[in-house]
């Protein structure tokens, strides 16, 4: 029996299960190949049976350097069984994930699929209204491979920035 180490996730994939299953899995596999399995968090791949879901989500967000928010048709309008818009419910994981990333100043890359538009501030809960200001990248089914490669490049750029010391620290280190 092997005990799995607690990975230090760099990339957190936030998504809605109902509408991004294919794209989510494809992006996870490409990111996993590029950055390594222990550095890419996708709940259904990274949380084992019997583990506490909320705790694992929180742990992964604490080490993440970039959050990828996958947005397809229906992301904003999906409702629970009572007809309430999910994004406005306090236990909506997508909202909680984005809210946590915003509070921790984690770079967020919204990924828009097949001509979906970025949500407007008026359409979002107050706690994540700043999410509407993030520059998104688009992925089209007709050019999915090249679009995912561009996403990988964007992620790499954010990871490099996170791993570089600030100008002040560099100046102190180099005595400038």
Protein backbone atom coordinates (compact mmCIF):
# COMPACT_ATOMS: atom_id res chain seq x y z
CA UNK A 1 0.00 0.00 0.00
CA UNK A 2 1.41 3.37 -0.95
CA UNK A 3 0.62 6.60 0.77
CA UNK A 4 0.12 9.39 -1.71
CA UNK A 5 2.08 12.55 -1.04
CA UNK A 6 0.21 15.81 -0.89
CA UNK A 7 1.05 17.42 -4.22
CA UNK A 8 1.81 21.08 -4.58
CA UNK A 9 -0.67 22.05 -7.25
CA UNK A 10 0.29 24.87 -9.57
CA UNK A 11 -2.81 24.87 -11.76
CA UNK A 12 -6.39 24.62 -10.50
CA UNK A 13 -9.11 23.79 -13.05
CA UNK A 14 -12.51 25.22 -12.13
CA UNK A 15 -15.45 24.01 -14.20
CA UNK A 16 -19.13 23.06 -14.22
CA UNK A 17 -19.56 19.31 -14.47
CA UNK A 18 -22.67 19.42 -16.61
CA UNK A 19 -21.31 21.31 -19.56
CA UNK A 20 -17.55 20.96 -19.86
CA UNK A 21 -16.89 17.24 -19.41
CA UNK A 22 -15.14 16.64 -22.74
CA UNK A 23 -13.19 19.91 -22.83
CA UNK A 24 -12.27 19.65 -19.16
CA UNK A 25 -10.80 16.16 -19.55
CA UNK A 26 -8.92 17.14 -22.71
CA UNK A 27 -7.42 20.23 -21.10
CA UNK A 28 -6.51 18.28 -17.96
CA UNK A 29 -4.70 15.64 -20.02
CA UNK A 30 -2.75 18.25 -22.01
CA UNK A 31 -1.81 20.21 -18.87
CA UNK A 32 -0.90 17.02 -17.03
CA UNK A 33 1.41 16.03 -19.88
CA UNK A 34 3.04 19.48 -19.92
CA UNK A 35 3.31 20.22 -16.18
CA UNK A 36 2.97 16.83 -14.46
CA UNK A 37 0.00 15.15 -12.78
CA UNK A 38 0.90 16.36 -9.29
CA UNK A 39 0.81 19.98 -10.43
CA UNK A 40 -2.62 20.09 -12.09
CA UNK A 41 -5.73 19.92 -9.91
CA UNK A 42 -8.99 18.60 -11.32
CA UNK A 43 -11.35 17.43 -8.59
CA UNK A 44 -12.52 14.22 -10.26
CA UNK A 45 -8.91 13.23 -11.00
CA UNK A 46 -7.19 14.60 -7.90
CA UNK A 47 -9.55 13.72 -5.03
CA UNK A 48 -9.61 10.09 -3.98
CA UNK A 49 -12.66 8.22 -2.76
CA UNK A 50 -13.22 8.79 0.94
CA UNK A 51 -11.42 12.15 1.05
CA UNK A 52 -13.22 15.28 2.18
CA UNK A 53 -14.18 17.20 -0.96
CA UNK A 54 -14.30 20.76 0.52
CA UNK A 55 -11.01 20.24 2.35
CA UNK A 56 -9.21 18.98 -0.76
CA UNK A 57 -10.56 21.88 -2.85
CA UNK A 58 -9.31 24.36 -0.25
CA UNK A 59 -5.92 22.65 0.07
CA UNK A 60 -5.43 22.71 -3.70
CA UNK A 61 -6.35 26.39 -3.90
CA UNK A 62 -3.81 27.21 -1.17
CA UNK A 63 -0.91 25.98 -3.32
CA UNK A 64 -2.20 26.93 -6.77
CA UNK A 65 -0.42 29.60 -8.78
CA UNK A 66 -3.04 29.89 -11.56
CA UNK A 67 -6.77 29.18 -11.73
CA UNK A 68 -8.27 28.18 -15.07
CA UNK A 69 -12.03 28.91 -15.18
CA UNK A 70 -13.65 26.88 -17.96
CA UNK A 71 -16.76 28.61 -19.27
CA UNK A 72 -19.17 27.05 -21.73
CA UNK A 73 -22.76 27.75 -22.66
CA UNK A 74 -24.87 27.47 -19.51
CA UNK A 75 -22.03 28.26 -17.06
CA UNK A 76 -23.80 31.37 -15.86
CA UNK A 77 -27.42 30.24 -16.08
CA UNK A 78 -27.32 26.73 -14.58
CA UNK A 79 -29.85 26.29 -11.78
CA UNK A 80 -30.30 23.96 -8.84
CA UNK A 81 -33.37 21.71 -8.36
CA UNK A 82 -35.37 24.62 -6.92
CA UNK A 83 -34.64 26.89 -9.89
CA UNK A 84 -32.06 29.11 -8.15
CA UNK A 85 -29.11 30.30 -10.19
CA UNK A 86 -26.22 28.16 -8.90
CA UNK A 87 -23.58 30.86 -9.11
CA UNK A 88 -25.47 32.90 -6.49
CA UNK A 89 -25.72 30.05 -3.96
CA UNK A 90 -23.24 30.22 -1.09
CA UNK A 91 -22.28 26.56 -1.53
CA UNK A 92 -21.57 26.80 -5.28
CA UNK A 93 -18.05 25.49 -5.74
CA UNK A 94 -17.35 27.43 -8.93
CA UNK A 95 -18.16 30.70 -7.15
CA UNK A 96 -16.16 29.67 -4.07
CA UNK A 97 -13.15 28.72 -6.20
CA UNK A 98 -13.14 32.02 -8.08
CA UNK A 99 -13.75 33.98 -4.86
CA UNK A 100 -10.78 32.24 -3.21
CA UNK A 101 -8.53 32.91 -6.20
CA UNK A 102 -9.52 36.59 -6.16
CA UNK A 103 -8.86 36.89 -2.42
CA UNK A 104 -5.44 35.23 -2.76
CA UNK A 105 -4.49 37.24 -5.87
CA UNK A 106 -4.10 34.07 -7.88
CA UNK A 107 -4.04 34.87 -11.60
CA UNK A 108 -7.26 33.70 -13.24
CA UNK A 109 -7.49 32.69 -16.88
CA UNK A 110 -11.11 32.48 -18.03
CA UNK A 111 -11.36 30.00 -20.90
CA UNK A 112 -14.33 30.60 -23.20
CA UNK A 113 -15.49 27.74 -25.42
CA UNK A 114 -17.00 28.08 -28.86
CA UNK A 115 -17.96 31.76 -28.93
CA UNK A 116 -19.27 32.00 -25.36
CA UNK A 117 -18.94 35.56 -24.06
CA UNK A 118 -17.31 36.61 -20.81
CA UNK A 119 -19.93 37.28 -18.12
CA UNK A 120 -20.67 40.93 -17.33
CA UNK A 121 -20.25 42.25 -13.78
CA UNK A 122 -24.03 42.71 -13.51
CA UNK A 123 -24.48 38.97 -14.06
CA UNK A 124 -22.14 37.92 -11.25
CA UNK A 125 -22.48 37.78 -7.46
CA UNK A 126 -20.85 40.74 -5.69
CA UNK A 127 -18.10 38.51 -4.30
CA UNK A 128 -16.78 37.68 -7.78
CA UNK A 129 -17.67 40.79 -9.83
CA UNK A 130 -13.92 41.50 -10.41
CA UNK A 131 -13.79 38.20 -12.33
CA UNK A 132 -15.51 39.99 -15.24
CA UNK A 133 -12.41 42.19 -15.68
CA UNK A 134 -10.03 39.31 -16.43
CA UNK A 135 -8.85 38.89 -19.99
CA UNK A 136 -10.12 35.58 -21.32
CA UNK A 137 -8.72 33.17 -23.84
CA UNK A 138 -10.93 31.41 -26.34
CA UNK A 139 -10.95 27.79 -27.39
CA UNK A 140 -12.76 26.78 -30.53
CA UNK A 141 -13.61 23.20 -31.46
CA UNK A 142 -12.28 23.92 -34.95
CA UNK A 143 -8.77 24.81 -33.69
CA UNK A 144 -8.71 23.13 -30.29
CA UNK A 145 -5.12 21.87 -30.40
CA UNK A 146 -3.55 25.23 -31.24
CA UNK A 147 -5.84 27.02 -28.77
CA UNK A 148 -4.83 24.66 -25.96
CA UNK A 149 -1.16 25.20 -26.85
CA UNK A 150 -1.74 28.95 -26.50
CA UNK A 151 -3.38 28.32 -23.10
CA UNK A 152 -0.35 26.27 -22.02
CA UNK A 153 1.92 29.17 -23.04
CA UNK A 154 -0.23 31.62 -21.05
CA UNK A 155 -0.11 29.36 -17.99
CA UNK A 156 3.66 28.97 -18.33
CA UNK A 157 4.05 32.75 -18.43
CA UNK A 158 2.04 33.13 -15.21
CA UNK A 159 4.03 30.37 -13.50
CA UNK A 160 7.30 32.01 -14.50
CA UNK A 161 6.13 35.34 -13.07
CA UNK A 162 5.12 33.66 -9.81
CA UNK A 163 8.53 32.02 -9.50
CA UNK A 164 10.57 35.15 -10.19
CA UNK A 165 11.50 37.40 -7.30
CA UNK A 166 10.07 40.90 -7.43
CA UNK A 167 12.20 43.81 -8.63
CA UNK A 168 12.84 44.90 -5.05
CA UNK A 169 13.94 41.42 -3.99
CA UNK A 170 16.17 41.10 -7.08
CA UNK A 171 17.75 44.47 -6.28
CA UNK A 172 18.40 43.40 -2.69
CA UNK A 173 19.83 40.06 -3.80
CA UNK A 174 22.12 41.65 -6.35
CA UNK A 175 22.97 44.67 -4.22
CA UNK A 176 21.63 47.11 -6.79
